Amino acid sequence: MGASRRCSSSIKPPSCASLVGTLCLLSYVMPASACPKTCHCTDRNGVVVQCTSRNLESIPPNLPKDTVVLLLSSNRIKHVTKEAFTDLRRLRELDLSQNAIESVEAGAFQGISEGLRSLDLSNNHLSSLPKDTFAKLHARIRLSHNPWHCECSLQEVLRELRLDPETVNEVNCYTSVQEEYVGQPVIQVLDSGINFCNFHQKTTDVAMFVAMFCWFSMVTAYIIYYIKHNQEDARRHMEYLKSLPSTSHISKDYDTASSVL
């Protein structure tokens, strides 16, 4: 009985100093201020930032620099700016699906392009992208279920990408410079030999021809007007000259007057 009392009395609660030390250690490993207030952060050989379904309208600023996974799906984000991911050098996975993204600035993924392995932009409102949007990006990209407008600039963007093979046939032409391709998978259209850039060039050539024709018509109309106007002036001038007394008649009148004198 005495031994049990001695054992129980030897167990002491942790001191305040040890608790403070543990809290300090935890705050050092995962600073509370580094995680956005609306998100949840966990440490898995780098920070996983979970911001799914938080009604976010923009990408949270000041994300932890050692973020490896950033989940921003099912929010109300409309624009991806150039500076959004600049400091996230360790980022491997970025999920921006199920938002309302309408535009992505050129160079938006600059700074994370070398390390990023997965990028999801599916189920948004994208119809076009700047040519250098995914410059130097080696990630596997999902672009399915967006209202894409199939034309030359989209063709040039897709040419440089590694599209996710599971969803590549879900990247469809919502609108197109050639209506017969509306509703068809973009990659299948391009693989069939269609070149939207050639069509764009032909359209430009036709527009230039029409402009030149209009200009030529205007010049021709002006010349015709000028000639007609000058002809009318010349006719009036001739009628005026005809209305003047002739020189022979004046000479005869002068001779008659001289003989009388």
Protein backbone atom coordinates (compact mmCIF):
# COMPACT_ATOMS: atom_id res chain seq x y z
CA MET A 1 0.00 0.00 0.00
CA GLY A 2 2.82 2.35 0.89
CA ALA A 3 4.61 1.46 -2.34
CA SER A 4 1.55 2.33 -4.41
CA ARG A 5 1.29 5.66 -2.61
CA ARG A 6 4.91 6.40 -3.31
CA CYS A 7 4.44 5.57 -7.02
CA SER A 8 1.33 7.70 -7.31
CA SER A 9 2.97 10.57 -5.53
CA SER A 10 5.97 10.40 -7.84
CA ILE A 11 3.80 11.08 -10.95
CA LYS A 12 3.67 14.83 -11.42
CA PRO A 13 1.71 16.89 -13.98
CA PRO A 14 3.79 18.55 -16.67
CA SER A 15 5.20 21.85 -15.62
CA CYS A 16 4.22 25.14 -17.21
CA ALA A 17 7.70 25.46 -18.62
CA SER A 18 7.42 22.16 -20.52
CA LEU A 19 3.99 23.10 -21.91
CA VAL A 20 5.23 26.47 -23.09
CA GLY A 21 8.22 24.81 -24.67
CA THR A 22 6.00 22.35 -26.55
CA LEU A 23 3.72 25.14 -27.80
CA CYS A 24 6.72 27.14 -28.93
CA LEU A 25 8.04 24.12 -30.79
CA LEU A 26 4.70 23.58 -32.52
CA SER A 27 4.44 27.23 -33.45
CA TYR A 28 7.94 27.04 -34.88
CA VAL A 29 7.09 24.00 -36.99
CA MET A 30 3.72 25.38 -38.16
CA PRO A 31 3.29 29.12 -37.57
CA ALA A 32 -0.37 29.94 -37.07
CA SER A 33 0.00 33.19 -39.01
CA ALA A 34 1.30 31.34 -42.08
CA CYS A 35 -2.00 29.58 -42.72
CA PRO A 36 -4.87 31.72 -44.11
CA LYS A 37 -7.69 32.09 -41.61
CA THR A 38 -10.27 30.60 -43.95
CA CYS A 39 -8.14 27.55 -44.76
CA HIS A 40 -6.81 24.49 -42.95
CA CYS A 41 -3.11 23.61 -43.05
CA THR A 42 -1.39 20.33 -42.26
CA ASP A 43 2.24 19.31 -42.45
CA ARG A 44 3.02 16.35 -44.72
CA ASN A 45 6.63 16.76 -45.78
CA GLY A 46 5.60 20.29 -46.62
CA VAL A 47 2.41 22.23 -45.99
CA VAL A 48 -0.91 21.08 -47.46
CA VAL A 49 -3.24 24.09 -47.63
CA GLN A 50 -6.91 23.08 -47.78
CA CYS A 51 -9.15 25.94 -48.91
CA THR A 52 -11.91 23.97 -50.62
CA SER A 53 -15.50 25.31 -50.48
CA ARG A 54 -14.70 28.45 -48.49
CA ASN A 55 -16.55 30.98 -50.73
CA LEU A 56 -13.25 32.59 -51.66
CA GLU A 57 -13.38 35.23 -54.41
CA SER A 58 -9.62 35.49 -54.80
CA ILE A 59 -6.52 33.46 -54.08
CA PRO A 60 -5.45 33.98 -50.44
CA PRO A 61 -2.30 36.11 -50.04
CA ASN A 62 0.72 35.26 -47.88
CA LEU A 63 0.46 31.50 -48.27
CA PRO A 64 3.12 29.41 -46.48
CA LYS A 65 6.26 29.40 -48.59
CA ASP A 66 6.76 25.67 -48.02
CA THR A 67 3.32 24.80 -49.44
CA VAL A 68 3.44 21.62 -51.53
CA VAL A 69 -0.30 21.15 -52.13
CA LEU A 70 -2.79 24.00 -52.56
CA LEU A 71 -6.47 23.06 -52.85
CA LEU A 72 -8.73 25.92 -53.93
CA SER A 73 -11.56 24.06 -55.65
CA SER A 74 -15.29 24.87 -55.31
CA ASN A 75 -14.89 28.57 -54.61
CA ARG A 76 -15.88 31.75 -56.49
CA ILE A 77 -12.48 32.79 -57.82
CA LYS A 78 -12.77 34.68 -61.14
CA HIS A 79 -9.21 35.77 -61.95
CA VAL A 80 -5.75 34.30 -61.51
CA THR A 81 -3.22 37.10 -61.25
CA LYS A 82 0.45 37.04 -62.11
CA GLU A 83 1.73 37.37 -58.55
CA ALA A 84 -0.53 34.76 -56.94
CA PHE A 85 2.02 31.91 -56.65
CA THR A 86 5.37 33.69 -56.96
CA ASP A 87 6.87 32.54 -53.63
CA LEU A 88 5.57 28.95 -53.66
CA ARG A 89 8.75 27.33 -54.99
CA ARG A 90 7.93 23.91 -53.48
CA LEU A 91 4.38 23.71 -54.84
CA ARG A 92 3.66 20.35 -56.51
CA GLU A 93 -0.12 20.25 -56.82
CA LEU A 94 -2.54 23.10 -57.52
CA ASP A 95 -6.30 22.57 -57.73
CA LEU A 96 -8.37 25.49 -59.07
CA SER A 97 -11.29 23.43 -60.38
CA GLN A 98 -14.98 24.21 -59.83
CA ASN A 99 -14.52 27.97 -59.66
CA ALA A 100 -15.70 30.83 -61.91
CA ILE A 101 -12.30 31.62 -63.43
CA GLU A 102 -12.67 33.77 -66.55
CA SER A 103 -9.07 34.87 -67.06
CA VAL A 104 -5.53 33.81 -66.26
CA GLU A 105 -2.82 36.42 -66.63
CA ALA A 106 0.26 35.65 -68.70
CA GLY A 107 2.99 34.41 -66.35
CA ALA A 108 0.52 33.49 -63.61
CA PHE A 109 2.46 30.28 -62.96
CA GLN A 110 5.87 31.84 -63.28
CA GLY A 111 8.04 30.79 -60.34
CA ILE A 112 6.29 27.46 -59.81
CA SER A 113 6.56 26.15 -63.37
CA GLU A 114 9.57 23.92 -62.78
CA GLY A 115 8.30 22.07 -59.70
CA LEU A 116 4.55 21.92 -60.37
CA ARG A 117 3.37 18.41 -61.28
CA SER A 118 -0.43 18.76 -61.35
CA LEU A 119 -2.66 21.70 -62.30
CA ASP A 120 -6.46 21.48 -62.41
CA LEU A 121 -8.40 24.27 -64.15
CA SER A 122 -11.42 22.17 -65.09
CA ASN A 123 -15.02 23.31 -64.65
CA ASN A 124 -14.42 27.03 -64.93
CA HIS A 125 -15.46 29.80 -67.34
CA LEU A 126 -12.33 29.93 -69.49
CA SER A 127 -12.77 30.53 -73.23
CA SER A 128 -9.24 31.61 -74.13
CA LEU A 129 -5.77 31.98 -72.62
CA PRO A 130 -2.74 34.20 -73.31
CA LYS A 131 -0.10 32.48 -75.41
CA ASP A 132 2.52 32.39 -72.63
CA THR A 133 0.16 31.31 -69.83
CA PHE A 134 1.87 27.94 -69.33
CA ALA A 135 5.40 28.89 -70.40
CA LYS A 136 7.99 26.37 -69.10
CA LEU A 137 5.27 24.45 -67.28
CA HIS A 138 5.81 20.67 -67.13
CA ALA A 139 2.74 19.81 -65.07
CA ARG A 140 -0.10 17.56 -66.19
CA ILE A 141 -3.01 19.92 -66.79
CA ARG A 142 -6.78 19.50 -66.71
CA LEU A 143 -8.75 21.96 -68.85
CA SER A 144 -12.00 20.04 -69.31
CA HIS A 145 -15.50 21.51 -69.05
CA ASN A 146 -14.65 25.09 -69.98
CA PRO A 147 -16.43 27.08 -72.73
CA TRP A 148 -13.41 27.13 -75.07
CA HIS A 149 -13.42 29.21 -78.23
CA CYS A 150 -11.48 27.21 -80.83
CA GLU A 151 -9.23 29.48 -82.83
CA CYS A 152 -5.54 30.15 -83.49
CA SER A 153 -4.44 31.39 -80.05
CA LEU A 154 -5.99 28.40 -78.25
CA GLN A 155 -4.26 26.06 -80.70
CA GLU A 156 -0.90 27.70 -79.93
CA VAL A 157 -1.48 27.38 -76.16
CA LEU A 158 -2.47 23.70 -76.33
CA ARG A 159 0.52 22.86 -78.51
CA GLU A 160 2.89 23.35 -75.54
CA LEU A 161 0.88 21.47 -72.87
CA ARG A 162 0.78 18.03 -71.27
CA LEU A 163 -2.97 17.55 -71.04
CA ASP A 164 -4.30 15.01 -68.59
CA PRO A 165 -5.02 11.87 -70.69
CA GLU A 166 -8.11 11.00 -68.63
CA THR A 167 -9.87 14.27 -69.47
CA VAL A 168 -8.26 15.31 -72.77
CA ASN A 169 -11.37 14.35 -74.77
CA GLU A 170 -13.50 16.55 -72.51
CA VAL A 171 -11.75 19.72 -73.70
CA ASN A 172 -14.39 20.66 -76.29
CA CYS A 173 -15.01 23.55 -78.65
CA TYR A 174 -17.88 25.53 -77.12
CA THR A 175 -17.60 28.04 -79.96
CA SER A 176 -15.32 28.06 -82.99
CA VAL A 177 -14.19 30.16 -85.93
CA GLN A 178 -15.55 27.27 -87.99
CA GLU A 179 -19.00 26.26 -86.74
CA GLU A 180 -18.73 22.63 -87.84
CA TYR A 181 -16.28 21.97 -84.99
CA VAL A 182 -18.53 23.21 -82.18
CA GLY A 183 -19.03 20.46 -79.60
CA GLN A 184 -16.05 18.40 -80.77
CA PRO A 185 -12.93 17.64 -78.69
CA VAL A 186 -10.24 20.20 -79.54
CA ILE A 187 -7.42 17.66 -79.70
CA GLN A 188 -9.34 15.41 -82.08
CA VAL A 189 -10.00 18.37 -84.37
CA LEU A 190 -6.33 19.35 -84.36
CA ASP A 191 -5.21 15.74 -84.86
CA SER A 192 -7.42 15.53 -87.94
CA GLY A 193 -5.19 18.13 -89.59
CA ILE A 194 -7.28 21.24 -89.00
CA ASN A 195 -5.18 24.36 -88.52
CA PHE A 196 -7.13 27.23 -87.00
CA CYS A 197 -4.20 29.56 -87.63
CA ASN A 198 -4.45 28.98 -91.38
CA PHE A 199 -8.15 29.76 -91.23
CA HIS A 200 -7.36 32.87 -89.23
CA GLN A 201 -4.85 33.93 -91.92
CA LYS A 202 -7.43 33.36 -94.66
CA THR A 203 -9.96 35.40 -92.72
CA THR A 204 -7.41 38.18 -92.34
CA ASP A 205 -6.63 38.06 -96.07
CA VAL A 206 -10.32 38.29 -96.95
CA ALA A 207 -10.78 41.22 -94.58
CA MET A 208 -7.79 42.96 -96.12
CA PHE A 209 -9.14 42.33 -99.63
CA VAL A 210 -12.53 43.76 -98.67
CA ALA A 211 -10.85 46.82 -97.14
CA MET A 212 -8.75 47.37 -100.26
CA PHE A 213 -11.83 46.95 -102.48
CA CYS A 214 -13.73 49.53 -100.43
CA TRP A 215 -10.80 51.93 -100.65
CA PHE A 216 -10.52 51.44 -104.42
CA SER A 217 -14.27 51.99 -104.81
CA MET A 218 -14.07 55.23 -102.85
CA VAL A 219 -11.15 56.49 -104.95
CA THR A 220 -12.94 55.55 -108.18
CA ALA A 221 -16.14 57.27 -107.04
CA TYR A 222 -14.17 60.40 -106.17
CA ILE A 223 -12.45 60.46 -109.57
CA ILE A 224 -15.78 60.07 -111.38
CA TYR A 225 -17.30 62.82 -109.28
CA TYR A 226 -14.30 65.05 -109.93
CA ILE A 227 -14.49 64.50 -113.71
CA LYS A 228 -18.25 65.11 -113.82
CA HIS A 229 -17.93 68.19 -111.68
CA ASN A 230 -15.16 69.57 -113.91
CA GLN A 231 -17.18 68.75 -117.04
CA GLU A 232 -20.09 70.74 -115.65
CA ASP A 233 -17.80 73.66 -114.88
CA ALA A 234 -16.27 73.43 -118.36
CA ARG A 235 -19.75 73.43 -119.97
CA ARG A 236 -20.79 76.48 -118.01
CA HIS A 237 -17.58 78.21 -118.94
CA MET A 238 -18.13 77.45 -122.64
CA GLU A 239 -21.70 78.77 -122.45
CA TYR A 240 -20.41 81.91 -120.82
CA LEU A 241 -17.82 82.39 -123.58
CA LYS A 242 -20.45 81.84 -126.24
CA SER A 243 -22.65 84.47 -124.67
CA LEU A 244 -19.91 87.07 -125.06
CA PRO A 245 -19.81 89.20 -128.29
CA SER A 246 -17.47 87.73 -130.86
CA THR A 247 -14.29 89.60 -131.83
CA SER A 248 -15.34 89.83 -135.52
CA HIS A 249 -18.59 91.52 -134.60
CA ILE A 250 -16.76 94.00 -132.43
CA SER A 251 -14.31 94.70 -135.26
CA LYS A 252 -17.14 95.40 -137.76
CA ASP A 253 -18.81 97.76 -135.30
CA TYR A 254 -15.50 99.54 -134.85
CA ASP A 255 -15.02 99.95 -138.66
CA THR A 256 -18.53 101.30 -139.08
CA ALA A 257 -17.97 103.86 -136.40
CA SER A 258 -14.71 104.93 -138.00
CA SER A 259 -16.28 105.41 -141.45
CA VAL A 260 -19.03 107.56 -140.02
CA LEU A 261 -16.48 109.75 -138.41
